[in-house]
Amino acid sequence: TAQRLAVDASVWLNQFVYAMRDADGMLPRHGHLLGFFRRVCRLLYFGVKPVFVFDGPAPPIKRRTTAKRRSQKAVQEVKLRRAVEKLVGVKIKQAVLNKARVASHATPET
């Protein structure tokens, strides 16, 4: 019978985020998943069936990433709001100018 091994998936993923680096020291695209996959393959090769557990708080690197995303989202929301306000202002000015132009061409006949 194959043995089973409980694996804290968050810890593995965190390890690969730090360990998987290319020659320039950068994390390869999906490197953490590649490392995870290779480790699972090695366990299966030796007859060990991993049981993945996603438990506990997020590791510090994930908390930083989440905080950074929240911050970027807030900045983008402010930029979007400003762009919408500017666009609405331009549309209002166009409407006023068009109305003035129509009014100046429609002179009352005497």
PDB file of N, CA and C in Angstrom:
ATOM      1  N   THR A   1       0.838  -1.193   0.000  1.00  0.00           N
ATOM      2  CA  THR A   1       0.000   0.000   0.000  1.00  0.00           C
ATOM      3  C   THR A   1       0.880   1.253   0.000  1.00  0.00           C
ATOM      4  N   ALA A   2       0.397   2.242  -0.693  1.00  0.00           N
ATOM      5  CA  ALA A   2       1.134   3.507  -0.763  1.00  0.00           C
ATOM      6  C   ALA A   2       0.975   4.267   0.539  1.00  0.00           C
ATOM      7  N   GLN A   3       2.040   4.908   0.928  1.00  0.00           N
ATOM      8  CA  GLN A   3       1.971   5.739   2.121  1.00  0.00           C
ATOM      9  C   GLN A   3       1.404   7.098   1.744  1.00  0.00           C
ATOM     10  N   ARG A   4       0.777   7.718   2.719  1.00  0.00           N
ATOM     11  CA  ARG A   4       0.240   9.060   2.508  1.00  0.00           C
ATOM     12  C   ARG A   4       1.044  10.046   3.329  1.00  0.00           C
ATOM     13  N   LEU A   5       1.142  11.269   2.765  1.00  0.00           N
ATOM     14  CA  LEU A   5       1.891  12.313   3.440  1.00  0.00           C
ATOM     15  C   LEU A   5       1.070  13.600   3.387  1.00  0.00           C
ATOM     16  N   ALA A   6       0.779  14.167   4.555  1.00  0.00           N
ATOM     17  CA  ALA A   6       0.072  15.450   4.600  1.00  0.00           C
ATOM     18  C   ALA A   6       1.071  16.556   4.281  1.00  0.00           C
ATOM     19  N   VAL A   7       0.703  17.420   3.339  1.00  0.00           N
ATOM     20  CA  VAL A   7       1.589  18.485   2.882  1.00  0.00           C
ATOM     21  C   VAL A   7       0.887  19.823   3.079  1.00  0.00           C
ATOM     22  N   ASP A   8       1.554  20.737   3.776  1.00  0.00           N
ATOM     23  CA  ASP A   8       1.040  22.103   3.894  1.00  0.00           C
ATOM     24  C   ASP A   8       1.375  22.807   2.585  1.00  0.00           C
ATOM     25  N   ALA A   9       0.398  22.898   1.705  1.00  0.00           N
ATOM     26  CA  ALA A   9       0.617  23.433   0.363  1.00  0.00           C
ATOM     27  C   ALA A   9       1.127  24.873   0.400  1.00  0.00           C
ATOM     28  N   SER A  10       0.664  25.673   1.340  1.00  0.00           N
ATOM     29  CA  SER A  10       1.113  27.061   1.443  1.00  0.00           C
ATOM     30  C   SER A  10       2.616  27.132   1.698  1.00  0.00           C
ATOM     31  N   VAL A  11       3.117  26.239   2.547  1.00  0.00           N
ATOM     32  CA  VAL A  11       4.546  26.232   2.848  1.00  0.00           C
ATOM     33  C   VAL A  11       5.336  25.856   1.603  1.00  0.00           C
ATOM     34  N   TRP A  12       4.890  24.832   0.892  1.00  0.00           N
ATOM     35  CA  TRP A  12       5.584  24.433  -0.337  1.00  0.00           C
ATOM     36  C   TRP A  12       5.626  25.580  -1.336  1.00  0.00           C
ATOM     37  N   LEU A  13       4.482  26.180  -1.584  1.00  0.00           N
ATOM     38  CA  LEU A  13       4.432  27.274  -2.566  1.00  0.00           C
ATOM     39  C   LEU A  13       5.346  28.412  -2.139  1.00  0.00           C
ATOM     40  N   ASN A  14       5.331  28.731  -0.855  1.00  0.00           N
ATOM     41  CA  ASN A  14       6.193  29.796  -0.339  1.00  0.00           C
ATOM     42  C   ASN A  14       7.674  29.437  -0.537  1.00  0.00           C
ATOM     43  N   GLN A  15       8.033  28.192  -0.286  1.00  0.00           N
ATOM     44  CA  GLN A  15       9.418  27.756  -0.485  1.00  0.00           C
ATOM     45  C   GLN A  15       9.845  27.952  -1.936  1.00  0.00           C
ATOM     46  N   PHE A  16       8.974  27.605  -2.863  1.00  0.00           N
ATOM     47  CA  PHE A  16       9.340  27.709  -4.278  1.00  0.00           C
ATOM     48  C   PHE A  16       9.392  29.147  -4.764  1.00  0.00           C
ATOM     49  N   VAL A  17       8.610  30.017  -4.170  1.00  0.00           N
ATOM     50  CA  VAL A  17       8.686  31.431  -4.537  1.00  0.00           C
ATOM     51  C   VAL A  17      10.086  31.953  -4.234  1.00  0.00           C
ATOM     52  N   TYR A  18      10.669  31.499  -3.137  1.00  0.00           N
ATOM     53  CA  TYR A  18      12.017  31.934  -2.771  1.00  0.00           C
ATOM     54  C   TYR A  18      13.106  31.128  -3.479  1.00  0.00           C
ATOM     55  N   ALA A  19      12.853  29.829  -3.726  1.00  0.00           N
ATOM     56  CA  ALA A  19      13.902  28.948  -4.231  1.00  0.00           C
ATOM     57  C   ALA A  19      14.028  28.940  -5.753  1.00  0.00           C
ATOM     58  N   MET A  20      12.943  29.040  -6.470  1.00  0.00           N
ATOM     59  CA  MET A  20      12.980  28.916  -7.931  1.00  0.00           C
ATOM     60  C   MET A  20      13.407  30.243  -8.544  1.00  0.00           C
ATOM     61  N   ARG A  21      14.649  30.326  -8.980  1.00  0.00           N
ATOM     62  CA  ARG A  21      15.184  31.541  -9.599  1.00  0.00           C
ATOM     63  C   ARG A  21      15.932  31.175 -10.870  1.00  0.00           C
ATOM     64  N   ASP A  22      15.897  32.074 -11.858  1.00  0.00           N
ATOM     65  CA  ASP A  22      16.671  31.855 -13.077  1.00  0.00           C
ATOM     66  C   ASP A  22      18.077  32.434 -12.895  1.00  0.00           C
ATOM     67  N   ALA A  23      18.864  32.469 -13.973  1.00  0.00           N
ATOM     68  CA  ALA A  23      20.248  32.940 -13.901  1.00  0.00           C
ATOM     69  C   ALA A  23      20.336  34.401 -13.449  1.00  0.00           C
ATOM     70  N   ASP A  24      19.279  35.187 -13.712  1.00  0.00           N
ATOM     71  CA  ASP A  24      19.260  36.603 -13.326  1.00  0.00           C
ATOM     72  C   ASP A  24      18.684  36.819 -11.931  1.00  0.00           C
ATOM     73  N   GLY A  25      18.308  35.718 -11.268  1.00  0.00           N
ATOM     74  CA  GLY A  25      17.749  35.837  -9.926  1.00  0.00           C
ATOM     75  C   GLY A  25      16.260  36.147  -9.910  1.00  0.00           C
ATOM     76  N   MET A  26      15.610  36.034 -11.061  1.00  0.00           N
ATOM     77  CA  MET A  26      14.175  36.327 -11.146  1.00  0.00           C
ATOM     78  C   MET A  26      13.376  35.026 -11.060  1.00  0.00           C
ATOM     79  N   LEU A  27      12.161  35.131 -10.552  1.00  0.00           N
ATOM     80  CA  LEU A  27      11.265  33.980 -10.483  1.00  0.00           C
ATOM     81  C   LEU A  27      10.747  33.697 -11.883  1.00  0.00           C
ATOM     82  N   PRO A  28      11.012  32.483 -12.412  1.00  0.00           N
ATOM     83  CA  PRO A  28      10.475  32.164 -13.739  1.00  0.00           C
ATOM     84  C   PRO A  28       8.952  32.169 -13.715  1.00  0.00           C
ATOM     85  N   ARG A  29       8.362  32.427 -14.867  1.00  0.00           N
ATOM     86  CA  ARG A  29       6.894  32.437 -14.957  1.00  0.00           C
ATOM     87  C   ARG A  29       6.369  31.078 -14.478  1.00  0.00           C
ATOM     88  N   HIS A  30       5.506  31.110 -13.500  1.00  0.00           N
ATOM     89  CA  HIS A  30       4.888  29.913 -12.904  1.00  0.00           C
ATOM     90  C   HIS A  30       5.925  28.972 -12.289  1.00  0.00           C
ATOM     91  N   GLY A  31       7.084  29.499 -11.898  1.00  0.00           N
ATOM     92  CA  GLY A  31       8.142  28.681 -11.315  1.00  0.00           C
ATOM     93  C   GLY A  31       7.707  27.964 -10.051  1.00  0.00           C
ATOM     94  N   HIS A  32       6.911  28.644  -9.236  1.00  0.00           N
ATOM     95  CA  HIS A  32       6.453  28.023  -7.996  1.00  0.00           C
ATOM     96  C   HIS A  32       5.575  26.801  -8.290  1.00  0.00           C
ATOM     97  N   LEU A  33       4.783  26.878  -9.354  1.00  0.00           N
ATOM     98  CA  LEU A  33       3.932  25.745  -9.716  1.00  0.00           C
ATOM     99  C   LEU A  33       4.759  24.597 -10.299  1.00  0.00           C
ATOM    100  N   LEU A  34       5.780  24.956 -11.076  1.00  0.00           N
ATOM    101  CA  LEU A  34       6.666  23.942 -11.641  1.00  0.00           C
ATOM    102  C   LEU A  34       7.376  23.185 -10.528  1.00  0.00           C
ATOM    103  N   GLY A  35       7.901  23.904  -9.546  1.00  0.00           N
ATOM    104  CA  GLY A  35       8.559  23.255  -8.413  1.00  0.00           C
ATOM    105  C   GLY A  35       7.604  22.360  -7.642  1.00  0.00           C
ATOM    106  N   PHE A  36       6.392  22.849  -7.441  1.00  0.00           N
ATOM    107  CA  PHE A  36       5.359  22.086  -6.740  1.00  0.00           C
ATOM    108  C   PHE A  36       5.082  20.786  -7.505  1.00  0.00           C
ATOM    109  N   PHE A  37       4.903  20.910  -8.819  1.00  0.00           N
ATOM    110  CA  PHE A  37       4.611  19.754  -9.665  1.00  0.00           C
ATOM    111  C   PHE A  37       5.742  18.733  -9.620  1.00  0.00           C
ATOM    112  N   ARG A  38       6.989  19.208  -9.718  1.00  0.00           N
ATOM    113  CA  ARG A  38       8.145  18.293  -9.683  1.00  0.00           C
ATOM    114  C   ARG A  38       8.221  17.543  -8.356  1.00  0.00           C
ATOM    115  N   ARG A  39       7.936  18.244  -7.272  1.00  0.00           N
ATOM    116  CA  ARG A  39       8.002  17.602  -5.960  1.00  0.00           C
ATOM    117  C   ARG A  39       6.898  16.551  -5.829  1.00  0.00           C
ATOM    118  N   VAL A  40       5.705  16.850  -6.356  1.00  0.00           N
ATOM    119  CA  VAL A  40       4.608  15.880  -6.322  1.00  0.00           C
ATOM    120  C   VAL A  40       4.992  14.648  -7.147  1.00  0.00           C
ATOM    121  N   CYS A  41       5.568  14.873  -8.321  1.00  0.00           N
ATOM    122  CA  CYS A  41       5.989  13.753  -9.171  1.00  0.00           C
ATOM    123  C   CYS A  41       6.998  12.868  -8.448  1.00  0.00           C
ATOM    124  N   ARG A  42       7.936  13.493  -7.740  1.00  0.00           N
ATOM    125  CA  ARG A  42       8.952  12.726  -7.008  1.00  0.00           C
ATOM    126  C   ARG A  42       8.293  11.880  -5.920  1.00  0.00           C
ATOM    127  N   LEU A  43       7.339  12.463  -5.204  1.00  0.00           N
ATOM    128  CA  LEU A  43       6.641  11.691  -4.167  1.00  0.00           C
ATOM    129  C   LEU A  43       5.890  10.511  -4.780  1.00  0.00           C
ATOM    130  N   LEU A  44       5.189  10.757  -5.875  1.00  0.00           N
ATOM    131  CA  LEU A  44       4.431   9.685  -6.517  1.00  0.00           C
ATOM    132  C   LEU A  44       5.365   8.586  -7.036  1.00  0.00           C
ATOM    133  N   TYR A  45       6.522   8.972  -7.547  1.00  0.00           N
ATOM    134  CA  TYR A  45       7.503   8.010  -8.042  1.00  0.00           C
ATOM    135  C   TYR A  45       7.932   7.052  -6.921  1.00  0.00           C
ATOM    136  N   PHE A  46       8.067   7.576  -5.728  1.00  0.00           N
ATOM    137  CA  PHE A  46       8.480   6.751  -4.592  1.00  0.00           C
ATOM    138  C   PHE A  46       7.294   6.116  -3.864  1.00  0.00           C
ATOM    139  N   GLY A  47       6.107   6.210  -4.453  1.00  0.00           N
ATOM    140  CA  GLY A  47       4.941   5.535  -3.885  1.00  0.00           C
ATOM    141  C   GLY A  47       4.286   6.281  -2.736  1.00  0.00           C
ATOM    142  N   VAL A  48       4.551   7.560  -2.624  1.00  0.00           N
ATOM    143  CA  VAL A  48       3.955   8.370  -1.557  1.00  0.00           C
ATOM    144  C   VAL A  48       2.836   9.209  -2.162  1.00  0.00           C
ATOM    145  N   LYS A  49       1.653   9.094  -1.592  1.00  0.00           N
ATOM    146  CA  LYS A  49       0.515   9.879  -2.081  1.00  0.00           C
ATOM    147  C   LYS A  49       0.370  11.130  -1.205  1.00  0.00           C
ATOM    148  N   PRO A  50       0.587  12.296  -1.795  1.00  0.00           N
ATOM    149  CA  PRO A  50       0.449  13.519  -0.998  1.00  0.00           C
ATOM    150  C   PRO A  50      -1.015  13.891  -0.778  1.00  0.00           C
ATOM    151  N   VAL A  51      -1.298  14.377   0.409  1.00  0.00           N
ATOM    152  CA  VAL A  51      -2.613  14.918   0.753  1.00  0.00           C
ATOM    153  C   VAL A  51      -2.370  16.383   1.079  1.00  0.00           C
ATOM    154  N   PHE A  52      -2.920  17.274   0.264  1.00  0.00           N
ATOM    155  CA  PHE A  52      -2.626  18.693   0.401  1.00  0.00           C
ATOM    156  C   PHE A  52      -3.565  19.365   1.378  1.00  0.00           C
ATOM    157  N   VAL A  53      -2.969  20.174   2.242  1.00  0.00           N
ATOM    158  CA  VAL A  53      -3.713  20.898   3.262  1.00  0.00           C
ATOM    159  C   VAL A  53      -3.472  22.387   3.033  1.00  0.00           C
ATOM    160  N   PHE A  54      -4.543  23.127   2.922  1.00  0.00           N
ATOM    161  CA  PHE A  54      -4.463  24.586   2.808  1.00  0.00           C
ATOM    162  C   PHE A  54      -5.062  25.127   4.101  1.00  0.00           C
ATOM    163  N   ASP A  55      -4.191  25.396   5.054  1.00  0.00           N
ATOM    164  CA  ASP A  55      -4.662  25.734   6.383  1.00  0.00           C
ATOM    165  C   ASP A  55      -3.823  26.867   6.949  1.00  0.00           C
ATOM    166  N   GLY A  56      -4.418  27.620   7.825  1.00  0.00           N
ATOM    167  CA  GLY A  56      -3.683  28.663   8.529  1.00  0.00           C
ATOM    168  C   GLY A  56      -3.622  29.966   7.758  1.00  0.00           C
ATOM    169  N   PRO A  57      -2.984  30.953   8.374  1.00  0.00           N
ATOM    170  CA  PRO A  57      -2.906  32.275   7.748  1.00  0.00           C
ATOM    171  C   PRO A  57      -1.962  32.266   6.548  1.00  0.00           C
ATOM    172  N   ALA A  58      -2.129  33.268   5.719  1.00  0.00           N
ATOM    173  CA  ALA A  58      -1.265  33.394   4.540  1.00  0.00           C
ATOM    174  C   ALA A  58       0.163  33.693   4.986  1.00  0.00           C
ATOM    175  N   PRO A  59       1.144  33.189   4.235  1.00  0.00           N
ATOM    176  CA  PRO A  59       2.538  33.506   4.574  1.00  0.00           C
ATOM    177  C   PRO A  59       2.807  34.994   4.356  1.00  0.00           C
ATOM    178  N   PRO A  60       3.865  35.527   4.971  1.00  0.00           N
ATOM    179  CA  PRO A  60       4.155  36.966   4.874  1.00  0.00           C
ATOM    180  C   PRO A  60       4.253  37.482   3.439  1.00  0.00           C
ATOM    181  N   ILE A  61       4.849  36.704   2.543  1.00  0.00           N
ATOM    182  CA  ILE A  61       4.992  37.188   1.166  1.00  0.00           C
ATOM    183  C   ILE A  61       3.625  37.354   0.501  1.00  0.00           C
ATOM    184  N   LYS A  62       2.688  36.458   0.814  1.00  0.00           N
ATOM    185  CA  LYS A  62       1.350  36.573   0.229  1.00  0.00           C
ATOM    186  C   LYS A  62       0.619  37.769   0.827  1.00  0.00           C
ATOM    187  N   ARG A  63       0.803  37.993   2.122  1.00  0.00           N
ATOM    188  CA  ARG A  63       0.162  39.155   2.747  1.00  0.00           C
ATOM    189  C   ARG A  63       0.683  40.445   2.118  1.00  0.00           C
ATOM    190  N   ARG A  64       2.002  40.502   1.850  1.00  0.00           N
ATOM    191  CA  ARG A  64       2.570  41.696   1.205  1.00  0.00           C
ATOM    192  C   ARG A  64       2.011  41.866  -0.203  1.00  0.00           C
ATOM    193  N   THR A  65       1.912  40.761  -0.938  1.00  0.00           N
ATOM    194  CA  THR A  65       1.386  40.814  -2.295  1.00  0.00           C
ATOM    195  C   THR A  65      -0.070  41.282  -2.284  1.00  0.00           C
ATOM    196  N   THR A  66      -0.849  40.755  -1.368  1.00  0.00           N
ATOM    197  CA  THR A  66      -2.253  41.139  -1.262  1.00  0.00           C
ATOM    198  C   THR A  66      -2.379  42.617  -0.905  1.00  0.00           C
ATOM    199  N   ALA A  67      -1.565  43.085   0.021  1.00  0.00           N
ATOM    200  CA  ALA A  67      -1.594  44.502   0.410  1.00  0.00           C
ATOM    201  C   ALA A  67      -1.201  45.383  -0.779  1.00  0.00           C
ATOM    202  N   LYS A  68      -0.191  44.950  -1.533  1.00  0.00           N
ATOM    203  CA  LYS A  68       0.247  45.716  -2.705  1.00  0.00           C
ATOM    204  C   LYS A  68      -0.869  45.787  -3.744  1.00  0.00           C
ATOM    205  N   ARG A  69      -1.554  44.686  -3.967  1.00  0.00           N
ATOM    206  CA  ARG A  69      -2.668  44.665  -4.931  1.00  0.00           C
ATOM    207  C   ARG A  69      -3.796  45.582  -4.476  1.00  0.00           C
ATOM    208  N   ARG A  70      -4.098  45.559  -3.172  1.00  0.00           N
ATOM    209  CA  ARG A  70      -5.146  46.448  -2.649  1.00  0.00           C
ATOM    210  C   ARG A  70      -4.776  47.900  -2.883  1.00  0.00           C
ATOM    211  N   SER A  71      -3.512  48.232  -2.634  1.00  0.00           N
ATOM    212  CA  SER A  71      -3.037  49.595  -2.827  1.00  0.00           C
ATOM    213  C   SER A  71      -3.120  50.000  -4.292  1.00  0.00           C
ATOM    214  N   GLN A  72      -2.674  49.118  -5.183  1.00  0.00           N
ATOM    215  CA  GLN A  72      -2.743  49.405  -6.613  1.00  0.00           C
ATOM    216  C   GLN A  72      -4.188  49.580  -7.067  1.00  0.00           C
ATOM    217  N   LYS A  73      -5.086  48.771  -6.527  1.00  0.00           N
ATOM    218  CA  LYS A  73      -6.498  48.862  -6.885  1.00  0.00           C
ATOM    219  C   LYS A  73      -7.059  50.213  -6.447  1.00  0.00           C
ATOM    220  N   ALA A  74      -6.703  50.648  -5.247  1.00  0.00           N
ATOM    221  CA  ALA A  74      -7.184  51.939  -4.752  1.00  0.00           C
ATOM    222  C   ALA A  74      -6.687  53.080  -5.635  1.00  0.00           C
ATOM    223  N   VAL A  75      -5.412  53.015  -6.040  1.00  0.00           N
ATOM    224  CA  VAL A  75      -4.850  54.047  -6.918  1.00  0.00           C
ATOM    225  C   VAL A  75      -5.592  54.055  -8.251  1.00  0.00           C
ATOM    226  N   GLN A  76      -5.850  52.883  -8.803  1.00  0.00           N
ATOM    227  CA  GLN A  76      -6.548  52.799 -10.087  1.00  0.00           C
ATOM    228  C   GLN A  76      -7.991  53.292  -9.974  1.00  0.00           C
ATOM    229  N   GLU A  77      -8.634  53.043  -8.843  1.00  0.00           N
ATOM    230  CA  GLU A  77     -10.002  53.531  -8.647  1.00  0.00           C
ATOM    231  C   GLU A  77     -10.025  55.056  -8.606  1.00  0.00           C
ATOM    232  N   VAL A  78      -9.028  55.665  -7.959  1.00  0.00           N
ATOM    233  CA  VAL A  78      -8.938  57.125  -7.920  1.00  0.00           C
ATOM    234  C   VAL A  78      -8.721  57.673  -9.334  1.00  0.00           C
ATOM    235  N   LYS A  79      -7.820  57.041 -10.091  1.00  0.00           N
ATOM    236  CA  LYS A  79      -7.565  57.478 -11.469  1.00  0.00           C
ATOM    237  C   LYS A  79      -8.816  57.335 -12.322  1.00  0.00           C
ATOM    238  N   LEU A  80      -9.540  56.247 -12.148  1.00  0.00           N
ATOM    239  CA  LEU A  80     -10.771  56.035 -12.908  1.00  0.00           C
ATOM    240  C   LEU A  80     -11.807  57.098 -12.560  1.00  0.00           C
ATOM    241  N   ARG A  81     -11.961  57.375 -11.262  1.00  0.00           N
ATOM    242  CA  ARG A  81     -12.937  58.384 -10.838  1.00  0.00           C
ATOM    243  C   ARG A  81     -12.592  59.746 -11.451  1.00  0.00           C
ATOM    244  N   ARG A  82     -11.314  60.111 -11.435  1.00  0.00           N
ATOM    245  CA  ARG A  82     -10.892  61.387 -12.019  1.00  0.00           C
ATOM    246  C   ARG A  82     -11.170  61.421 -13.520  1.00  0.00           C
ATOM    247  N   ALA A  83     -10.892  60.309 -14.201  1.00  0.00           N
ATOM    248  CA  ALA A  83     -11.131  60.253 -15.646  1.00  0.00           C
ATOM    249  C   ALA A  83     -12.617  60.392 -15.951  1.00  0.00           C
ATOM    250  N   VAL A  84     -13.456  59.737 -15.153  1.00  0.00           N
ATOM    251  CA  VAL A  84     -14.908  59.833 -15.355  1.00  0.00           C
ATOM    252  C   VAL A  84     -15.376  61.256 -15.103  1.00  0.00           C
ATOM    253  N   GLU A  85     -14.890  61.873 -14.030  1.00  0.00           N
ATOM    254  CA  GLU A  85     -15.272  63.261 -13.739  1.00  0.00           C
ATOM    255  C   GLU A  85     -14.856  64.192 -14.872  1.00  0.00           C
ATOM    256  N   LYS A  86     -13.663  63.982 -15.397  1.00  0.00           N
ATOM    257  CA  LYS A  86     -13.184  64.815 -16.497  1.00  0.00           C
ATOM    258  C   LYS A  86     -14.040  64.598 -17.739  1.00  0.00           C
ATOM    259  N   LEU A  87     -14.357  63.350 -18.040  1.00  0.00           N
ATOM    260  CA  LEU A  87     -15.186  63.028 -19.198  1.00  0.00           C
ATOM    261  C   LEU A  87     -16.582  63.629 -19.062  1.00  0.00           C
ATOM    262  N   VAL A  88     -17.169  63.527 -17.890  1.00  0.00           N
ATOM    263  CA  VAL A  88     -18.496  64.110 -17.658  1.00  0.00           C
ATOM    264  C   VAL A  88     -18.429  65.626 -17.822  1.00  0.00           C
ATOM    265  N   GLY A  89     -17.374  66.244 -17.299  1.00  0.00           N
ATOM    266  CA  GLY A  89     -17.212  67.695 -17.457  1.00  0.00           C
ATOM    267  C   GLY A  89     -17.124  68.105 -18.913  1.00  0.00           C
ATOM    268  N   VAL A  90     -16.371  67.345 -19.696  1.00  0.00           N
ATOM    269  CA  VAL A  90     -16.245  67.639 -21.130  1.00  0.00           C
ATOM    270  C   VAL A  90     -17.603  67.488 -21.816  1.00  0.00           C
ATOM    271  N   LYS A  91     -18.333  66.444 -21.489  1.00  0.00           N
ATOM    272  CA  LYS A  91     -19.653  66.224 -22.103  1.00  0.00           C
ATOM    273  C   LYS A  91     -20.624  67.347 -21.740  1.00  0.00           C
ATOM    274  N   ILE A  92     -20.566  67.817 -20.487  1.00  0.00           N
ATOM    275  CA  ILE A  92     -21.441  68.924 -20.076  1.00  0.00           C
ATOM    276  C   ILE A  92     -21.083  70.182 -20.850  1.00  0.00           C
ATOM    277  N   LYS A  93     -19.794  70.480 -20.986  1.00  0.00           N
ATOM    278  CA  LYS A  93     -19.358  71.658 -21.748  1.00  0.00           C
ATOM    279  C   LYS A  93     -19.814  71.559 -23.197  1.00  0.00           C
ATOM    280  N   GLN A  94     -19.691  70.369 -23.792  1.00  0.00           N
ATOM    281  CA  GLN A  94     -20.132  70.187 -25.174  1.00  0.00           C
ATOM    282  C   GLN A  94     -21.627  70.443 -25.302  1.00  0.00           C
ATOM    283  N   ALA A  95     -22.392  69.931 -24.342  1.00  0.00           N
ATOM    284  CA  ALA A  95     -23.847  70.121 -24.386  1.00  0.00           C
ATOM    285  C   ALA A  95     -24.201  71.598 -24.270  1.00  0.00           C
ATOM    286  N   VAL A  96     -23.521  72.331 -23.359  1.00  0.00           N
ATOM    287  CA  VAL A  96     -23.783  73.764 -23.186  1.00  0.00           C
ATOM    288  C   VAL A  96     -23.414  74.520 -24.459  1.00  0.00           C
ATOM    289  N   LEU A  97     -22.256  74.213 -25.038  1.00  0.00           N
ATOM    290  CA  LEU A  97     -21.831  74.891 -26.267  1.00  0.00           C
ATOM    291  C   LEU A  97     -22.786  74.598 -27.423  1.00  0.00           C
ATOM    292  N   ASN A  98     -23.209  73.362 -27.545  1.00  0.00           N
ATOM    293  CA  ASN A  98     -24.166  73.016 -28.606  1.00  0.00           C
ATOM    294  C   ASN A  98     -25.484  73.752 -28.421  1.00  0.00           C
ATOM    295  N   LYS A  99     -25.944  73.839 -27.204  1.00  0.00           N
ATOM    296  CA  LYS A  99     -27.201  74.534 -26.915  1.00  0.00           C
ATOM    297  C   LYS A  99     -27.042  76.022 -27.228  1.00  0.00           C
ATOM    298  N   ALA A 100     -25.893  76.612 -26.878  1.00  0.00           N
ATOM    299  CA  ALA A 100     -25.645  78.045 -27.171  1.00  0.00           C
ATOM    300  C   ALA A 100     -25.557  78.259 -28.673  1.00  0.00           C
ATOM    301  N   ARG A 101     -24.916  77.343 -29.368  1.00  0.00           N
ATOM    302  CA  ARG A 101     -24.794  77.469 -30.810  1.00  0.00           C
ATOM    303  C   ARG A 101     -26.165  77.409 -31.492  1.00  0.00           C
ATOM    304  N   VAL A 102     -26.991  76.497 -31.056  1.00  0.00           N
ATOM    305  CA  VAL A 102     -28.352  76.374 -31.615  1.00  0.00           C
ATOM    306  C   VAL A 102     -29.159  77.634 -31.285  1.00  0.00           C
ATOM    307  N   ALA A 103     -29.021  78.140 -30.071  1.00  0.00           N
ATOM    308  CA  ALA A 103     -29.766  79.333 -29.664  1.00  0.00           C
ATOM    309  C   ALA A 103     -29.317  80.565 -30.474  1.00  0.00           C
ATOM    310  N   SER A 104     -28.023  80.667 -30.760  1.00  0.00           N
ATOM    311  CA  SER A 104     -27.543  81.836 -31.504  1.00  0.00           C
ATOM    312  C   SER A 104     -27.962  81.784 -32.972  1.00  0.00           C
ATOM    313  N   HIS A 105     -28.213  80.632 -33.539  1.00  0.00           N
ATOM    314  CA  HIS A 105     -28.651  80.490 -34.923  1.00  0.00           C
ATOM    315  C   HIS A 105     -30.162  80.637 -35.068  1.00  0.00           C
ATOM    316  N   ALA A 106     -30.845  80.419 -33.991  1.00  0.00           N
ATOM    317  CA  ALA A 106     -32.308  80.510 -34.046  1.00  0.00           C
ATOM    318  C   ALA A 106     -32.723  81.889 -33.532  1.00  0.00           C
ATOM    319  N   THR A 107     -32.562  82.898 -34.360  1.00  0.00           N
ATOM    320  CA  THR A 107     -32.980  84.244 -33.939  1.00  0.00           C
ATOM    321  C   THR A 107     -34.456  84.423 -34.205  1.00  0.00           C
ATOM    322  N   PRO A 108     -35.128  85.082 -33.336  1.00  0.00           N
ATOM    323  CA  PRO A 108     -36.578  85.282 -33.542  1.00  0.00           C
ATOM    324  C   PRO A 108     -36.837  86.236 -34.699  1.00  0.00           C
ATOM    325  N   GLU A 109     -37.819  85.909 -35.495  1.00  0.00           N
ATOM    326  CA  GLU A 109     -38.162  86.766 -36.637  1.00  0.00           C
ATOM    327  C   GLU A 109     -39.024  87.914 -36.180  1.00  0.00           C
ATOM    328  N   THR A 110     -38.718  89.101 -36.690  1.00  0.00           N
ATOM    329  CA  THR A 110     -39.502  90.274 -36.332  1.00  0.00           C
ATOM    330  C   THR A 110     -40.276  90.791 -37.496  1.00  0.00           C
TER     331      THR A 110
END
